[in-house]
Amino acid sequence: MLSLRHEPMDDFFQVHNATDYASTESQSFISLPHLRNYTGEAKPTRTDSIITEEMCIRGIDMQGIDWFKETSTRDQYRSQSCKSGDDDFTIENKIKAQETKQVTPNEEYYTFKSSKLNEPCSIGHFQLRNLLWAANKNNIYYVWGDTVRQWSPQRRQSSQVIDLATANRPGSVSLKITSMACAHGVLFAGGFKGECVWKVVQDHCTINTTNESRSMGITNYTDIVKDRKGATLGIVSNNDASIKCINLETAQIEQKLTLPFAANCSSLSPDGRMLCLVGDSTDTLVVDADSGQSILSINEHHDYSFACCWHPDGRTFATGNQDKTTRIYDIRNTSKSVHVLGSNIGAIRSLHYSHDGHYLAAAEPIDFVHIYETEHYESSQVIDMFGDIAGVSFTPEDQSLYIANANEQLG
């Protein structure tokens, strides 16, 4: 586990954690900025499962890598990794021709706090990277295999919350987890065949399920929101081209929207009136949250999108795409994106605004997380690590940012 602390101006405090994962078996938490210069006396030991701020100051790598034993330097490994990045694109020429905004990448909004290197997590599908949720500063939820676990930064201990590996009692369900969310006191997970399970966090026994099992119904994204009447809803984006709104109190599907493409992500506007929808299309849709009627359609991306989110101001929203860009839009004029932000090596798989709206976290599939200031989107901090990124999440009070990085060798 690794954490970052936020102290850019006055007394604003923030911590960042990440997990390191390469297969679906193991993952650990990590944070940045990384050090480029290491001293001979600053070698990690086999017992260093936790890398502290003090150890990092002495020169120990935040992921516990002993660069003195490696045949290449960190920069050499980084250069090689960038050459072998995410290349699952069908329109490479258009992607290369995109004009992206020049953003200063060397700000330090978050400073390293600590990392725990042997807290395993996993990824269920290589394109789906929303498997981490910071419910509050003391409860961080993440996926390991077909279980959901909870990490306590205070106690530096983890515990199992839900085991979905085996249906071992009446009414239970087993599924391969592809997406997960935790908010408003509810933990929610979706599976490969459209299954959904959820439980009240404080209820250690009752697990609710809904199962519209379909071979093409992968649950690509889940979110938990309050509707305008105060009911707790689970919004599910499915590979069968549907968006479902499930009342988590009654277990009833209250609304189902059908899209012209597989739905990879959805985001409800802060006022609860609009849904931003992206998927296996270059289109971005905004629809009325109640009726499902189209409000607008945007076609600026060059590949499929897997991430979208609203800024807390309710006017701005962001989309993340396999064309290696994050695009920022103003709902008042969507004829053209306000900003086009480029990635380093791969698709943007996960996007989250901080709750105060000051920052936008954009995660690539491997190695890099970008943290943009949102006043002008002219500067950023780039969190640089090694490993597949399984998720990013700000804590509700914006004091911490957690990143799940799935690399079994480094975890």
Protein backbone atom coordinates (compact mmCIF):
# COMPACT_ATOMS: atom_id res chain seq x y z
CA MET A 1 0.00 0.00 0.00
CA LEU A 2 1.19 3.48 -0.78
CA SER A 3 -0.29 6.88 0.09
CA LEU A 4 0.17 10.53 -0.90
CA ARG A 5 -0.43 13.61 1.18
CA HIS A 6 -1.86 16.79 -0.32
CA GLU A 7 -0.35 20.08 0.88
CA PRO A 8 -0.19 22.39 -2.13
CA MET A 9 -1.10 25.70 -0.49
CA ASP A 10 -2.23 26.06 3.11
CA ASP A 11 -3.52 23.38 5.43
CA PHE A 12 -5.15 21.26 2.75
CA PHE A 13 -4.12 17.69 3.52
CA GLN A 14 -4.37 14.71 1.22
CA VAL A 15 -3.11 11.14 1.07
CA HIS A 16 -2.77 8.90 -1.96
CA ASN A 17 -2.67 5.10 -2.06
CA ALA A 18 -2.28 2.69 -4.97
CA THR A 19 -2.25 -1.02 -5.66
CA ASP A 20 0.08 -2.83 -8.04
CA TYR A 21 -1.30 -5.58 -10.29
CA ALA A 22 -0.12 -7.56 -13.32
CA SER A 23 -2.40 -10.62 -13.34
CA THR A 24 -5.86 -11.16 -11.88
CA GLU A 25 -4.28 -12.71 -8.82
CA SER A 26 -2.42 -9.99 -6.97
CA GLN A 27 -2.25 -6.23 -6.45
CA SER A 28 -0.83 -3.60 -4.10
CA PHE A 29 -1.33 0.08 -3.27
CA ILE A 30 1.11 2.78 -4.39
CA SER A 31 1.55 6.57 -4.55
CA LEU A 32 3.75 9.29 -5.98
CA PRO A 33 5.85 11.43 -6.62
CA HIS A 34 8.64 8.94 -7.21
CA LEU A 35 12.30 9.56 -6.57
CA ARG A 36 14.84 9.53 -9.37
CA ASN A 37 17.97 9.36 -7.21
CA TYR A 38 18.61 6.53 -4.78
CA THR A 39 21.39 6.19 -2.24
CA GLY A 40 23.30 3.01 -1.47
CA GLU A 41 22.15 2.89 2.14
CA ALA A 42 18.49 3.21 1.12
CA LYS A 43 17.83 -0.35 0.02
CA PRO A 44 14.50 -1.94 0.95
CA THR A 45 14.57 -5.15 2.96
CA ARG A 46 12.40 -8.22 2.66
CA THR A 47 10.48 -7.12 5.74
CA ASP A 48 9.63 -3.71 4.27
CA SER A 49 6.00 -4.46 3.39
CA ILE A 50 5.22 -0.84 4.27
CA ILE A 51 7.25 1.97 2.71
CA THR A 52 6.94 5.10 4.84
CA GLU A 53 7.43 8.75 4.03
CA GLU A 54 10.68 8.73 6.02
CA MET A 55 11.99 5.72 4.08
CA CYS A 56 11.17 7.42 0.78
CA ILE A 57 13.03 10.55 1.93
CA ARG A 58 16.06 8.31 2.56
CA GLY A 59 15.83 7.16 -1.04
CA ILE A 60 13.84 3.91 -0.97
CA ASP A 61 11.65 3.43 -4.03
CA MET A 62 7.95 3.88 -3.26
CA GLN A 63 7.17 0.43 -4.72
CA GLY A 64 9.99 -1.18 -2.77
CA ILE A 65 12.05 -1.87 -5.91
CA ASP A 66 15.75 -2.33 -5.20
CA TRP A 67 17.22 -0.57 -8.22
CA PHE A 68 20.72 -1.53 -7.11
CA LYS A 69 19.92 -5.16 -7.93
CA GLU A 70 18.39 -4.38 -11.32
CA THR A 71 20.35 -4.56 -14.56
CA SER A 72 18.72 -1.34 -15.82
CA THR A 73 18.02 2.01 -14.22
CA ARG A 74 14.50 3.20 -13.44
CA ASP A 75 14.56 5.59 -16.39
CA GLN A 76 15.63 2.77 -18.72
CA TYR A 77 12.74 0.61 -17.52
CA ARG A 78 10.38 3.55 -17.94
CA SER A 79 11.56 4.16 -21.50
CA GLN A 80 11.03 0.51 -22.40
CA SER A 81 7.59 0.45 -20.79
CA CYS A 82 6.47 3.48 -22.80
CA LYS A 83 7.49 1.74 -26.03
CA SER A 84 5.27 -1.24 -25.23
CA GLY A 85 2.18 0.67 -24.13
CA ASP A 86 -1.52 0.12 -24.80
CA ASP A 87 -1.82 -0.32 -28.57
CA ASP A 88 -5.36 -1.70 -28.97
CA PHE A 89 -6.39 0.98 -31.42
CA THR A 90 -7.88 0.57 -34.89
CA ILE A 91 -7.41 4.13 -36.13
CA GLU A 92 -3.87 4.89 -35.08
CA ASN A 93 -3.30 7.59 -37.70
CA LYS A 94 -6.21 9.72 -36.48
CA ILE A 95 -5.07 9.26 -32.92
CA LYS A 96 -1.54 10.40 -33.72
CA ALA A 97 -2.89 13.43 -35.59
CA GLN A 98 -4.88 14.73 -32.61
CA GLU A 99 -3.94 18.10 -31.19
CA THR A 100 -3.76 17.96 -27.41
CA LYS A 101 -3.26 20.75 -24.93
CA GLN A 102 0.23 21.36 -23.60
CA VAL A 103 -0.03 20.81 -19.85
CA THR A 104 2.75 21.37 -17.32
CA PRO A 105 3.28 17.88 -15.81
CA ASN A 106 5.56 18.58 -12.85
CA GLU A 107 3.28 20.07 -10.19
CA GLU A 108 3.09 18.43 -6.76
CA TYR A 109 -0.46 18.50 -5.46
CA TYR A 110 0.13 15.29 -3.51
CA THR A 111 3.22 14.19 -1.62
CA PHE A 112 4.14 10.64 -0.74
CA LYS A 113 2.87 9.37 2.60
CA SER A 114 3.24 5.59 2.66
CA SER A 115 2.78 2.39 0.66
CA LYS A 116 1.75 -1.15 1.55
CA LEU A 117 3.26 -3.57 -0.91
CA ASN A 118 1.61 -6.88 -0.06
CA GLU A 119 -2.10 -6.05 -0.06
CA PRO A 120 -3.37 -8.10 -3.03
CA CYS A 121 -6.13 -6.93 -5.40
CA SER A 122 -7.19 -7.89 -8.93
CA ILE A 123 -8.69 -6.90 -12.29
CA GLY A 124 -11.61 -8.88 -13.74
CA HIS A 125 -11.48 -7.53 -17.32
CA PHE A 126 -8.55 -5.73 -18.93
CA GLN A 127 -10.65 -2.77 -20.09
CA LEU A 128 -12.59 -2.24 -16.85
CA ARG A 129 -10.63 -0.33 -14.23
CA ASN A 130 -13.08 0.82 -11.56
CA LEU A 131 -12.36 -1.66 -8.78
CA LEU A 132 -11.38 0.66 -5.94
CA TRP A 133 -13.56 2.95 -3.84
CA ALA A 134 -12.63 5.23 -0.95
CA ALA A 135 -15.88 5.37 1.03
CA ASN A 136 -14.24 7.59 3.64
CA LYS A 137 -10.78 8.24 5.02
CA ASN A 138 -10.85 5.06 7.13
CA ASN A 139 -12.55 2.58 4.78
CA ILE A 140 -11.10 1.76 1.37
CA TYR A 141 -12.77 -1.00 -0.64
CA TYR A 142 -11.04 -2.99 -3.37
CA VAL A 143 -11.40 -6.24 -5.32
CA TRP A 144 -9.22 -9.31 -4.88
CA GLY A 145 -10.24 -12.23 -7.08
CA ASP A 146 -13.98 -12.60 -6.56
CA THR A 147 -14.02 -11.00 -3.13
CA VAL A 148 -14.37 -7.40 -1.98
CA ARG A 149 -12.04 -6.38 0.82
CA GLN A 150 -11.81 -3.34 3.08
CA TRP A 151 -8.51 -1.65 3.93
CA SER A 152 -8.12 0.51 7.04
CA PRO A 153 -5.31 3.08 6.66
CA GLN A 154 -5.42 3.77 10.40
CA ARG A 155 -4.99 0.16 11.49
CA ARG A 156 -3.03 -0.81 8.37
CA GLN A 157 -5.10 -3.96 8.16
CA SER A 158 -7.57 -5.43 5.67
CA SER A 159 -10.60 -7.70 6.03
CA GLN A 160 -12.99 -9.51 3.70
CA VAL A 161 -16.40 -7.90 3.19
CA ILE A 162 -18.04 -10.06 0.49
CA ASP A 163 -17.00 -13.44 -0.91
CA LEU A 164 -18.55 -14.04 -4.33
CA ALA A 165 -16.27 -16.89 -5.37
CA THR A 166 -18.78 -19.62 -4.40
CA ALA A 167 -22.55 -19.69 -3.88
CA ASN A 168 -22.42 -21.68 -0.66
CA ARG A 169 -25.82 -21.00 0.88
CA PRO A 170 -29.45 -20.49 -0.23
CA GLY A 171 -29.92 -17.12 -1.90
CA SER A 172 -26.20 -16.51 -2.33
CA VAL A 173 -24.59 -15.84 -5.70
CA SER A 174 -21.19 -16.40 -7.23
CA LEU A 175 -19.79 -14.12 -9.91
CA LYS A 176 -16.61 -12.82 -11.46
CA ILE A 177 -16.41 -9.17 -10.38
CA THR A 178 -15.96 -6.62 -13.17
CA SER A 179 -16.96 -3.38 -11.42
CA MET A 180 -17.50 -2.09 -7.90
CA ALA A 181 -18.64 1.02 -6.02
CA CYS A 182 -19.24 2.02 -2.42
CA ALA A 183 -21.16 5.14 -1.39
CA HIS A 184 -24.04 6.24 0.83
CA GLY A 185 -23.33 3.31 3.14
CA VAL A 186 -23.86 0.69 0.41
CA LEU A 187 -21.33 -1.60 -1.30
CA PHE A 188 -22.29 -2.61 -4.86
CA ALA A 189 -20.59 -5.00 -7.33
CA GLY A 190 -21.34 -6.23 -10.84
CA GLY A 191 -20.28 -9.34 -12.75
CA PHE A 192 -19.51 -10.81 -16.16
CA LYS A 193 -23.10 -11.87 -16.91
CA GLY A 194 -24.95 -8.79 -15.75
CA GLU A 195 -25.31 -9.96 -12.14
CA CYS A 196 -25.41 -7.30 -9.42
CA VAL A 197 -24.98 -7.74 -5.67
CA TRP A 198 -25.08 -5.17 -2.89
CA LYS A 199 -25.16 -4.86 0.86
CA VAL A 200 -25.42 -2.19 3.50
CA VAL A 201 -21.86 -1.83 4.75
CA GLN A 202 -22.86 -2.04 8.40
CA ASP A 203 -24.99 -5.16 7.80
CA HIS A 204 -22.60 -8.10 8.04
CA CYS A 205 -25.11 -10.72 6.84
CA THR A 206 -27.65 -9.57 4.25
CA ILE A 207 -26.57 -9.56 0.60
CA ASN A 208 -29.09 -8.45 -2.03
CA THR A 209 -28.95 -9.63 -5.64
CA THR A 210 -30.53 -9.05 -9.01
CA ASN A 211 -29.71 -11.34 -11.88
CA GLU A 212 -30.55 -10.66 -15.50
CA SER A 213 -27.88 -13.12 -16.63
CA ARG A 214 -26.95 -12.59 -20.27
CA SER A 215 -23.93 -13.79 -22.21
CA MET A 216 -23.28 -10.23 -23.46
CA GLY A 217 -24.35 -8.47 -20.28
CA ILE A 218 -20.99 -7.67 -18.68
CA THR A 219 -21.43 -5.07 -15.95
CA ASN A 220 -18.97 -2.49 -17.24
CA TYR A 221 -19.52 0.21 -14.62
CA THR A 222 -21.48 0.72 -11.42
CA ASP A 223 -22.29 3.87 -9.46
CA ILE A 224 -24.33 4.61 -6.35
CA VAL A 225 -26.33 7.85 -6.20
CA LYS A 226 -29.24 9.49 -4.42
CA ASP A 227 -32.17 10.44 -6.64
CA ARG A 228 -34.04 13.71 -6.18
CA LYS A 229 -36.47 12.00 -3.78
CA GLY A 230 -33.65 10.71 -1.60
CA ALA A 231 -33.76 7.05 -2.65
CA THR A 232 -30.47 5.18 -3.05
CA LEU A 233 -29.98 3.96 -6.62
CA GLY A 234 -27.43 1.72 -8.27
CA ILE A 235 -26.75 2.84 -11.84
CA VAL A 236 -25.41 -0.02 -13.95
CA SER A 237 -23.78 0.32 -17.39
CA ASN A 238 -23.99 -2.96 -19.29
CA ASN A 239 -22.35 -4.49 -22.33
CA ASP A 240 -25.82 -5.43 -23.62
CA ALA A 241 -26.33 -1.73 -24.52
CA SER A 242 -28.45 -0.96 -21.47
CA ILE A 243 -28.38 1.38 -18.50
CA LYS A 244 -30.30 0.16 -15.47
CA CYS A 245 -31.33 2.16 -12.40
CA ILE A 246 -31.87 -0.21 -9.47
CA ASN A 247 -33.56 0.96 -6.27
CA LEU A 248 -31.20 -0.52 -3.69
CA GLU A 249 -33.84 -0.28 -0.98
CA THR A 250 -36.56 -2.24 -2.84
CA ALA A 251 -34.32 -4.26 -5.23
CA GLN A 252 -36.53 -3.13 -8.13
CA ILE A 253 -35.26 -1.95 -11.51
CA GLU A 254 -36.90 1.47 -11.71
CA GLN A 255 -35.63 2.47 -15.13
CA LYS A 256 -33.93 0.84 -18.08
CA LEU A 257 -32.47 2.72 -21.03
CA THR A 258 -31.42 1.10 -24.30
CA LEU A 259 -28.48 2.62 -26.17
CA PRO A 260 -27.27 2.14 -29.76
CA PHE A 261 -23.98 0.78 -28.38
CA ALA A 262 -22.55 -1.15 -25.44
CA ALA A 263 -22.60 1.11 -22.37
CA ASN A 264 -19.17 1.33 -20.76
CA CYS A 265 -19.74 4.15 -18.26
CA SER A 266 -22.43 6.55 -17.06
CA SER A 267 -22.44 9.55 -14.77
CA LEU A 268 -25.38 11.38 -13.18
CA SER A 269 -25.14 15.17 -13.06
CA PRO A 270 -24.98 16.74 -9.57
CA ASP A 271 -28.57 18.00 -9.84
CA GLY A 272 -29.78 14.51 -10.77
CA ARG A 273 -31.36 15.63 -14.04
CA MET A 274 -28.89 14.46 -16.72
CA LEU A 275 -26.97 11.28 -17.48
CA CYS A 276 -23.71 11.36 -19.43
CA LEU A 277 -23.25 8.07 -21.31
CA VAL A 278 -20.26 6.61 -23.17
CA GLY A 279 -19.48 3.20 -24.64
CA ASP A 280 -18.43 1.25 -27.73
CA SER A 281 -18.85 4.29 -29.94
CA THR A 282 -17.14 7.57 -30.71
CA ASP A 283 -20.32 9.29 -29.52
CA THR A 284 -20.89 10.82 -26.10
CA LEU A 285 -24.57 11.10 -25.15
CA VAL A 286 -26.29 13.27 -22.56
CA VAL A 287 -29.88 12.24 -21.83
CA ASP A 288 -32.67 13.27 -19.48
CA ALA A 289 -32.26 11.16 -16.35
CA ASP A 290 -36.02 10.71 -15.89
CA SER A 291 -37.27 10.13 -19.42
CA GLY A 292 -34.14 8.92 -21.18
CA GLN A 293 -34.78 11.44 -23.96
CA SER A 294 -31.69 12.67 -25.78
CA ILE A 295 -30.44 16.12 -24.82
CA LEU A 296 -27.31 16.16 -26.97
CA SER A 297 -24.82 13.97 -28.78
CA ILE A 298 -21.13 14.73 -29.28
CA ASN A 299 -18.81 13.00 -31.73
CA GLU A 300 -15.21 14.14 -31.27
CA HIS A 301 -13.43 11.04 -30.01
CA HIS A 302 -11.80 8.60 -32.44
CA ASP A 303 -12.31 5.32 -30.57
CA TYR A 304 -14.43 3.79 -27.80
CA SER A 305 -14.86 5.55 -24.46
CA PHE A 306 -14.64 3.85 -21.07
CA ALA A 307 -14.88 6.76 -18.63
CA CYS A 308 -16.96 9.86 -17.96
CA CYS A 309 -17.73 12.05 -14.95
CA TRP A 310 -19.37 15.34 -14.00
CA HIS A 311 -17.63 18.21 -12.27
CA PRO A 312 -19.42 19.21 -9.04
CA ASP A 313 -20.36 22.54 -10.68
CA GLY A 314 -22.90 20.66 -12.83
CA ARG A 315 -21.76 22.44 -16.00
CA THR A 316 -18.55 20.63 -16.87
CA PHE A 317 -18.07 16.97 -17.69
CA ALA A 318 -15.12 14.86 -18.81
CA THR A 319 -14.82 11.82 -21.08
CA GLY A 320 -11.95 9.33 -21.33
CA ASN A 321 -11.26 7.35 -24.49
CA GLN A 322 -9.07 4.71 -26.11
CA ASP A 323 -7.83 7.46 -28.44
CA LYS A 324 -5.56 8.41 -25.52
CA THR A 325 -7.40 11.62 -24.63
CA THR A 326 -9.49 13.12 -21.88
CA ARG A 327 -11.92 15.68 -23.28
CA ILE A 328 -13.52 18.41 -21.17
CA TYR A 329 -16.91 19.82 -22.17
CA ASP A 330 -19.14 22.68 -21.03
CA ILE A 331 -22.81 21.65 -21.15
CA ARG A 332 -23.73 25.20 -22.21
CA ASN A 333 -21.83 24.81 -25.49
CA THR A 334 -20.82 21.33 -26.59
CA SER A 335 -20.02 22.16 -30.21
CA LYS A 336 -16.36 21.63 -29.36
CA SER A 337 -14.46 20.33 -26.37
CA VAL A 338 -13.02 23.02 -24.11
CA HIS A 339 -9.82 21.04 -23.49
CA VAL A 340 -8.23 17.96 -25.04
CA LEU A 341 -5.73 16.36 -22.65
CA GLY A 342 -3.36 13.66 -23.88
CA SER A 343 -2.13 10.55 -22.09
CA ASN A 344 1.41 9.17 -22.01
CA ILE A 345 1.00 5.67 -23.41
CA GLY A 346 -2.58 4.38 -23.26
CA ALA A 347 -6.33 4.75 -23.07
CA ILE A 348 -8.03 6.68 -20.28
CA ARG A 349 -9.84 3.95 -18.35
CA SER A 350 -10.98 5.79 -15.21
CA LEU A 351 -11.92 9.42 -14.48
CA HIS A 352 -12.88 11.06 -11.19
CA TYR A 353 -13.23 14.69 -10.10
CA SER A 354 -12.40 15.50 -6.51
CA HIS A 355 -15.51 16.30 -4.50
CA ASP A 356 -14.51 19.97 -4.17
CA GLY A 357 -13.91 20.10 -7.93
CA HIS A 358 -10.31 21.31 -7.65
CA TYR A 359 -8.77 18.26 -9.34
CA LEU A 360 -9.47 15.65 -12.00
CA ALA A 361 -7.77 12.25 -11.77
CA ALA A 362 -7.33 10.44 -15.11
CA ALA A 363 -5.92 6.91 -15.06
CA GLU A 364 -4.20 5.16 -17.94
CA PRO A 365 -4.29 1.33 -18.05
CA ILE A 366 -0.69 1.08 -16.88
CA ASP A 367 1.90 3.15 -15.05
CA PHE A 368 0.41 6.67 -15.12
CA VAL A 369 -2.27 8.66 -13.30
CA HIS A 370 -2.69 12.34 -14.21
CA ILE A 371 -4.02 14.81 -11.64
CA TYR A 372 -5.15 18.04 -13.35
CA GLU A 373 -6.01 21.33 -11.72
CA THR A 374 -9.45 22.22 -13.02
CA GLU A 375 -9.42 26.01 -13.07
CA HIS A 376 -7.60 26.16 -16.40
CA TYR A 377 -6.36 22.58 -16.98
CA GLU A 378 -2.91 24.01 -17.63
CA SER A 379 -0.92 22.09 -15.03
CA SER A 380 -0.90 18.59 -13.60
CA GLN A 381 0.90 16.10 -11.42
CA VAL A 382 1.79 12.81 -13.09
CA ILE A 383 1.93 9.82 -10.79
CA ASP A 384 4.51 7.49 -12.31
CA MET A 385 4.72 3.84 -11.21
CA PHE A 386 5.01 0.37 -12.73
CA GLY A 387 1.94 -1.85 -13.09
CA ASP A 388 -1.66 -2.10 -14.30
CA ILE A 389 -3.99 0.41 -12.69
CA ALA A 390 -7.21 -1.11 -11.34
CA GLY A 391 -8.85 2.06 -10.06
CA VAL A 392 -8.53 5.55 -8.59
CA SER A 393 -10.65 7.18 -5.90
CA PHE A 394 -10.71 10.39 -3.90
CA THR A 395 -11.98 10.20 -0.33
CA PRO A 396 -15.19 12.22 0.25
CA GLU A 397 -13.37 14.96 2.17
CA ASP A 398 -10.69 15.11 -0.57
CA GLN A 399 -7.86 14.56 1.88
CA SER A 400 -6.76 11.34 0.21
CA LEU A 401 -6.44 9.85 -3.24
CA TYR A 402 -6.10 6.08 -3.59
CA ILE A 403 -4.83 4.23 -6.65
CA ALA A 404 -5.02 0.47 -7.16
CA ASN A 405 -2.05 -0.74 -9.20
CA ALA A 406 -2.09 -4.44 -10.05
CA ASN A 407 1.35 -5.95 -10.47
CA GLU A 408 1.93 -9.28 -8.76
CA GLN A 409 5.72 -9.02 -8.96
CA LEU A 410 5.76 -5.67 -7.19
CA GLY A 411 2.80 -6.42 -4.92
